[in-house]
Amino acid sequence: MGLSTHVLDTMHGCPAAGMAVELYTTDGDFATLVKRFELNADGRNPDGMLYDNASLKVGTYRLVFDVKGYFARRCVALPEPNFLNRVSIDFGVAHPSEHYHVPLLVSPWSYSTYRGS
């Protein structure tokens, strides 16, 4: 299993294809960039897994989603400054043998997440 993500654009009712995302490992106030990627046509990370079970470790992680850039590319009229720019989700992995799926439901004005399956 491992770690994966998926973003749904709730304003348009579709996957957030092309949204830029960054994955970090975190340790207190320090964050180390692991990878940058763009979501595929289904709004998912393009490799299927950001980490597989052999690579995923107990620890804390951060996903950063470029919400402002995504909606600007969709030609959504956004106020300046935007209400949402980048959405960061900090989460912990306690059991790396399990699957951790971190979905994001997002509009220019709100977001929600949960531990998916």
N, C-alpha and C. Protein backbone atom coordinates (compact mmCIF):
# COMPACT_ATOMS: atom_id res chain seq x y z
N MET A 1 0.84 -1.18 0.00
CA MET A 1 0.00 0.00 0.00
C MET A 1 0.89 1.24 0.00
N GLY A 2 1.01 1.99 1.11
CA GLY A 2 1.89 3.14 1.16
C GLY A 2 1.15 4.44 1.37
N LEU A 3 1.59 5.48 0.66
CA LEU A 3 1.04 6.84 0.79
C LEU A 3 0.61 7.34 -0.57
N SER A 4 -0.60 7.91 -0.63
CA SER A 4 -1.11 8.48 -1.88
C SER A 4 -1.97 9.69 -1.56
N THR A 5 -2.30 10.48 -2.59
CA THR A 5 -3.18 11.63 -2.44
C THR A 5 -4.08 11.76 -3.65
N HIS A 6 -5.13 12.55 -3.49
CA HIS A 6 -6.14 12.75 -4.52
C HIS A 6 -6.82 14.08 -4.20
N VAL A 7 -7.04 14.93 -5.21
CA VAL A 7 -7.68 16.22 -4.98
C VAL A 7 -8.90 16.35 -5.87
N LEU A 8 -10.01 16.75 -5.25
CA LEU A 8 -11.25 17.03 -5.98
C LEU A 8 -11.55 18.51 -5.90
N ASP A 9 -11.80 19.11 -7.04
CA ASP A 9 -12.18 20.51 -7.17
C ASP A 9 -13.69 20.58 -6.96
N THR A 10 -14.11 21.03 -5.77
CA THR A 10 -15.54 21.06 -5.46
C THR A 10 -16.26 22.23 -6.12
N MET A 11 -15.54 23.21 -6.61
CA MET A 11 -16.17 24.33 -7.33
C MET A 11 -16.69 23.86 -8.68
N HIS A 12 -15.87 23.06 -9.36
CA HIS A 12 -16.22 22.61 -10.71
C HIS A 12 -16.74 21.18 -10.75
N GLY A 13 -16.66 20.48 -9.61
CA GLY A 13 -17.14 19.10 -9.56
C GLY A 13 -16.31 18.14 -10.38
N CYS A 14 -14.97 18.27 -10.26
CA CYS A 14 -14.09 17.41 -11.06
C CYS A 14 -12.76 17.21 -10.34
N PRO A 15 -11.94 16.27 -10.82
CA PRO A 15 -10.60 16.12 -10.25
C PRO A 15 -9.77 17.37 -10.54
N ALA A 16 -8.84 17.69 -9.66
CA ALA A 16 -7.99 18.87 -9.81
C ALA A 16 -6.75 18.53 -10.64
N ALA A 17 -6.96 18.17 -11.88
CA ALA A 17 -5.87 17.80 -12.79
C ALA A 17 -4.90 18.96 -12.94
N GLY A 18 -3.61 18.64 -12.85
CA GLY A 18 -2.58 19.64 -13.05
C GLY A 18 -2.19 20.43 -11.82
N MET A 19 -2.87 20.24 -10.68
CA MET A 19 -2.50 20.98 -9.48
C MET A 19 -1.09 20.58 -9.05
N ALA A 20 -0.27 21.57 -8.71
CA ALA A 20 1.08 21.33 -8.22
C ALA A 20 1.03 20.96 -6.74
N VAL A 21 1.82 19.96 -6.36
CA VAL A 21 1.85 19.46 -4.99
C VAL A 21 3.30 19.22 -4.59
N GLU A 22 3.59 19.44 -3.31
CA GLU A 22 4.90 19.13 -2.76
C GLU A 22 4.71 18.20 -1.57
N LEU A 23 5.62 17.24 -1.42
CA LEU A 23 5.62 16.32 -0.29
C LEU A 23 6.90 16.56 0.51
N TYR A 24 6.74 16.71 1.82
CA TYR A 24 7.86 16.91 2.73
C TYR A 24 7.84 15.87 3.84
N THR A 25 9.00 15.55 4.37
CA THR A 25 9.08 14.91 5.67
C THR A 25 9.31 16.05 6.65
N THR A 26 8.80 15.91 7.88
CA THR A 26 8.95 16.98 8.85
C THR A 26 9.55 16.44 10.14
N ASP A 27 10.25 17.33 10.81
CA ASP A 27 10.84 17.02 12.11
C ASP A 27 10.81 18.32 12.92
N GLY A 28 9.80 18.46 13.77
CA GLY A 28 9.63 19.71 14.50
C GLY A 28 9.35 20.84 13.52
N ASP A 29 10.16 21.91 13.59
CA ASP A 29 10.00 23.06 12.70
C ASP A 29 10.69 22.88 11.36
N PHE A 30 11.38 21.77 11.16
CA PHE A 30 12.13 21.55 9.93
C PHE A 30 11.35 20.67 8.96
N ALA A 31 11.37 21.06 7.69
CA ALA A 31 10.72 20.28 6.64
C ALA A 31 11.74 20.03 5.53
N THR A 32 11.76 18.81 5.04
CA THR A 32 12.67 18.42 3.96
C THR A 32 11.84 18.00 2.76
N LEU A 33 12.05 18.69 1.64
CA LEU A 33 11.32 18.38 0.41
C LEU A 33 11.70 16.99 -0.08
N VAL A 34 10.68 16.16 -0.32
CA VAL A 34 10.89 14.81 -0.86
C VAL A 34 10.68 14.83 -2.37
N LYS A 35 9.56 15.45 -2.80
CA LYS A 35 9.30 15.53 -4.25
C LYS A 35 8.25 16.56 -4.55
N ARG A 36 8.31 17.07 -5.78
CA ARG A 36 7.28 17.95 -6.36
C ARG A 36 6.66 17.19 -7.52
N PHE A 37 5.35 17.38 -7.70
CA PHE A 37 4.69 16.70 -8.80
C PHE A 37 3.39 17.43 -9.13
N GLU A 38 2.83 17.10 -10.28
CA GLU A 38 1.51 17.60 -10.67
C GLU A 38 0.54 16.44 -10.69
N LEU A 39 -0.68 16.71 -10.28
CA LEU A 39 -1.70 15.68 -10.26
C LEU A 39 -2.09 15.30 -11.68
N ASN A 40 -2.39 14.03 -11.88
CA ASN A 40 -2.76 13.55 -13.21
C ASN A 40 -4.22 13.91 -13.54
N ALA A 41 -4.72 13.44 -14.66
CA ALA A 41 -6.07 13.78 -15.13
C ALA A 41 -7.15 13.36 -14.15
N ASP A 42 -6.86 12.37 -13.31
CA ASP A 42 -7.82 11.91 -12.31
C ASP A 42 -7.62 12.62 -10.98
N GLY A 43 -6.74 13.63 -10.92
CA GLY A 43 -6.49 14.38 -9.70
C GLY A 43 -5.66 13.61 -8.68
N ARG A 44 -4.93 12.61 -9.15
CA ARG A 44 -4.13 11.77 -8.25
C ARG A 44 -2.64 11.96 -8.52
N ASN A 45 -1.82 11.56 -7.52
CA ASN A 45 -0.38 11.62 -7.75
C ASN A 45 -0.03 10.67 -8.89
N PRO A 46 0.83 11.11 -9.82
CA PRO A 46 1.04 10.38 -11.06
C PRO A 46 1.70 9.01 -10.91
N ASP A 47 2.44 8.77 -9.85
CA ASP A 47 3.14 7.50 -9.69
C ASP A 47 2.30 6.43 -9.01
N GLY A 48 1.08 6.76 -8.64
CA GLY A 48 0.25 5.81 -7.92
C GLY A 48 0.51 5.86 -6.43
N MET A 49 1.76 5.76 -6.02
CA MET A 49 2.14 5.83 -4.61
C MET A 49 3.26 6.84 -4.45
N LEU A 50 3.14 7.71 -3.46
CA LEU A 50 4.23 8.62 -3.12
C LEU A 50 5.32 7.87 -2.38
N TYR A 51 4.90 6.90 -1.59
CA TYR A 51 5.78 5.95 -0.93
C TYR A 51 5.10 4.59 -1.00
N ASP A 52 5.89 3.54 -1.18
CA ASP A 52 5.32 2.20 -1.02
C ASP A 52 5.57 1.78 0.44
N ASN A 53 5.05 0.64 0.83
CA ASN A 53 5.18 0.22 2.23
C ASN A 53 6.63 0.03 2.65
N ALA A 54 7.49 -0.38 1.75
CA ALA A 54 8.89 -0.58 2.10
C ALA A 54 9.59 0.75 2.38
N SER A 55 9.14 1.84 1.75
CA SER A 55 9.78 3.14 1.90
C SER A 55 9.13 4.02 2.97
N LEU A 56 7.84 3.84 3.22
CA LEU A 56 7.12 4.66 4.18
C LEU A 56 7.61 4.34 5.59
N LYS A 57 7.92 5.36 6.36
CA LYS A 57 8.46 5.21 7.71
C LYS A 57 7.54 5.87 8.72
N VAL A 58 7.62 5.43 9.96
CA VAL A 58 6.94 6.12 11.05
C VAL A 58 7.48 7.54 11.10
N GLY A 59 6.60 8.51 11.19
CA GLY A 59 7.06 9.89 11.24
C GLY A 59 5.97 10.86 10.83
N THR A 60 6.38 12.10 10.64
CA THR A 60 5.45 13.16 10.25
C THR A 60 5.78 13.66 8.86
N TYR A 61 4.74 14.04 8.15
CA TYR A 61 4.84 14.42 6.74
C TYR A 61 3.98 15.65 6.50
N ARG A 62 4.21 16.31 5.37
CA ARG A 62 3.42 17.47 4.96
C ARG A 62 3.18 17.40 3.46
N LEU A 63 1.94 17.57 3.07
CA LEU A 63 1.58 17.77 1.67
C LEU A 63 1.17 19.23 1.50
N VAL A 64 1.70 19.89 0.47
CA VAL A 64 1.39 21.29 0.20
C VAL A 64 0.80 21.38 -1.19
N PHE A 65 -0.43 21.90 -1.27
CA PHE A 65 -1.19 21.96 -2.52
C PHE A 65 -1.28 23.41 -2.99
N ASP A 66 -0.93 23.68 -4.26
CA ASP A 66 -0.98 25.03 -4.82
C ASP A 66 -2.39 25.35 -5.31
N VAL A 67 -3.24 25.71 -4.36
CA VAL A 67 -4.65 25.97 -4.65
C VAL A 67 -4.80 27.24 -5.51
N LYS A 68 -4.11 28.30 -5.14
CA LYS A 68 -4.20 29.56 -5.89
C LYS A 68 -3.80 29.36 -7.35
N GLY A 69 -2.66 28.71 -7.57
CA GLY A 69 -2.19 28.48 -8.94
C GLY A 69 -3.16 27.65 -9.76
N TYR A 70 -3.72 26.62 -9.14
CA TYR A 70 -4.67 25.76 -9.83
C TYR A 70 -5.90 26.55 -10.28
N PHE A 71 -6.53 27.29 -9.35
CA PHE A 71 -7.75 28.01 -9.72
C PHE A 71 -7.46 29.18 -10.66
N ALA A 72 -6.28 29.78 -10.57
CA ALA A 72 -5.91 30.83 -11.53
C ALA A 72 -5.81 30.24 -12.93
N ARG A 73 -5.22 29.03 -13.06
CA ARG A 73 -5.14 28.38 -14.38
C ARG A 73 -6.52 27.99 -14.90
N ARG A 74 -7.47 27.79 -14.00
CA ARG A 74 -8.86 27.49 -14.41
C ARG A 74 -9.63 28.77 -14.72
N CYS A 75 -8.94 29.92 -14.67
CA CYS A 75 -9.52 31.24 -14.98
C CYS A 75 -10.64 31.64 -14.02
N VAL A 76 -10.51 31.22 -12.77
CA VAL A 76 -11.45 31.64 -11.73
C VAL A 76 -11.04 33.03 -11.28
N ALA A 77 -11.99 33.97 -11.26
CA ALA A 77 -11.71 35.33 -10.80
C ALA A 77 -11.50 35.28 -9.28
N LEU A 78 -10.25 35.50 -8.87
CA LEU A 78 -9.90 35.42 -7.46
C LEU A 78 -9.60 36.81 -6.93
N PRO A 79 -10.00 37.10 -5.69
CA PRO A 79 -9.68 38.40 -5.10
C PRO A 79 -8.19 38.47 -4.77
N GLU A 80 -7.68 39.67 -4.62
CA GLU A 80 -6.29 39.84 -4.17
C GLU A 80 -6.31 40.54 -2.84
N PRO A 81 -5.73 39.97 -1.82
CA PRO A 81 -5.11 38.65 -1.84
C PRO A 81 -6.16 37.55 -1.81
N ASN A 82 -5.75 36.39 -2.28
CA ASN A 82 -6.62 35.22 -2.27
C ASN A 82 -6.99 34.85 -0.85
N PHE A 83 -8.13 34.18 -0.70
CA PHE A 83 -8.47 33.61 0.60
C PHE A 83 -7.56 32.41 0.87
N LEU A 84 -7.43 31.51 -0.10
CA LEU A 84 -6.51 30.37 0.02
C LEU A 84 -5.41 30.50 -1.02
N ASN A 85 -4.19 30.27 -0.59
CA ASN A 85 -3.06 30.28 -1.50
C ASN A 85 -2.53 28.85 -1.63
N ARG A 86 -1.83 28.40 -0.61
CA ARG A 86 -1.32 27.04 -0.56
C ARG A 86 -1.94 26.36 0.66
N VAL A 87 -2.45 25.18 0.48
CA VAL A 87 -3.02 24.41 1.59
C VAL A 87 -1.99 23.38 2.02
N SER A 88 -1.61 23.43 3.29
CA SER A 88 -0.67 22.47 3.86
C SER A 88 -1.40 21.52 4.78
N ILE A 89 -1.14 20.26 4.62
CA ILE A 89 -1.71 19.24 5.49
C ILE A 89 -0.55 18.50 6.15
N ASP A 90 -0.44 18.67 7.47
CA ASP A 90 0.56 17.95 8.25
C ASP A 90 -0.11 16.72 8.84
N PHE A 91 0.53 15.57 8.72
CA PHE A 91 -0.08 14.34 9.21
C PHE A 91 1.02 13.39 9.67
N GLY A 92 0.62 12.44 10.49
CA GLY A 92 1.56 11.47 11.01
C GLY A 92 1.27 10.08 10.51
N VAL A 93 2.32 9.30 10.37
CA VAL A 93 2.22 7.90 9.98
C VAL A 93 2.70 7.08 11.18
N ALA A 94 1.78 6.37 11.81
CA ALA A 94 2.11 5.54 12.97
C ALA A 94 2.34 4.08 12.58
N HIS A 95 1.65 3.64 11.52
CA HIS A 95 1.71 2.24 11.10
C HIS A 95 2.03 2.16 9.61
N PRO A 96 3.32 2.21 9.23
CA PRO A 96 3.69 2.26 7.82
C PRO A 96 3.29 1.03 7.01
N SER A 97 2.89 -0.04 7.66
CA SER A 97 2.42 -1.21 6.91
C SER A 97 1.00 -1.01 6.40
N GLU A 98 0.31 0.03 6.89
CA GLU A 98 -1.05 0.35 6.44
C GLU A 98 -0.99 1.37 5.31
N HIS A 99 -2.09 1.50 4.59
CA HIS A 99 -2.18 2.49 3.52
C HIS A 99 -2.63 3.83 4.10
N TYR A 100 -1.94 4.89 3.75
CA TYR A 100 -2.31 6.24 4.12
C TYR A 100 -2.67 6.99 2.85
N HIS A 101 -3.94 7.32 2.71
CA HIS A 101 -4.42 8.10 1.56
C HIS A 101 -4.89 9.43 2.11
N VAL A 102 -4.36 10.54 1.56
CA VAL A 102 -4.66 11.88 2.06
C VAL A 102 -5.37 12.66 0.96
N PRO A 103 -6.71 12.58 0.92
CA PRO A 103 -7.46 13.32 -0.08
C PRO A 103 -7.70 14.77 0.35
N LEU A 104 -7.91 15.63 -0.63
CA LEU A 104 -8.24 17.03 -0.38
C LEU A 104 -9.44 17.37 -1.24
N LEU A 105 -10.46 17.93 -0.61
CA LEU A 105 -11.62 18.49 -1.30
C LEU A 105 -11.45 20.00 -1.19
N VAL A 106 -11.43 20.71 -2.32
CA VAL A 106 -11.04 22.12 -2.26
C VAL A 106 -11.83 23.00 -3.23
N SER A 107 -12.08 24.22 -2.81
CA SER A 107 -12.60 25.30 -3.64
C SER A 107 -11.70 26.51 -3.36
N PRO A 108 -11.91 27.65 -4.00
CA PRO A 108 -11.09 28.82 -3.67
C PRO A 108 -11.32 29.35 -2.25
N TRP A 109 -12.39 28.87 -1.58
CA TRP A 109 -12.75 29.43 -0.28
C TRP A 109 -12.81 28.42 0.86
N SER A 110 -12.61 27.15 0.55
CA SER A 110 -12.70 26.15 1.63
C SER A 110 -11.97 24.88 1.23
N TYR A 111 -11.65 24.07 2.26
CA TYR A 111 -11.08 22.76 1.99
C TYR A 111 -11.39 21.82 3.15
N SER A 112 -11.29 20.54 2.83
CA SER A 112 -11.53 19.48 3.81
C SER A 112 -10.62 18.32 3.47
N THR A 113 -10.22 17.58 4.48
CA THR A 113 -9.40 16.40 4.28
C THR A 113 -9.80 15.34 5.30
N TYR A 114 -9.31 14.16 5.09
CA TYR A 114 -9.58 13.03 5.99
C TYR A 114 -8.58 11.94 5.63
N ARG A 115 -8.51 10.91 6.46
CA ARG A 115 -7.68 9.77 6.10
C ARG A 115 -8.54 8.82 5.27
N GLY A 116 -8.21 8.74 4.01
CA GLY A 116 -8.97 7.90 3.09
C GLY A 116 -8.48 6.46 3.11
N SER A 117 -9.04 5.69 2.20
CA SER A 117 -8.65 4.28 2.12
C SER A 117 -8.07 3.96 0.78
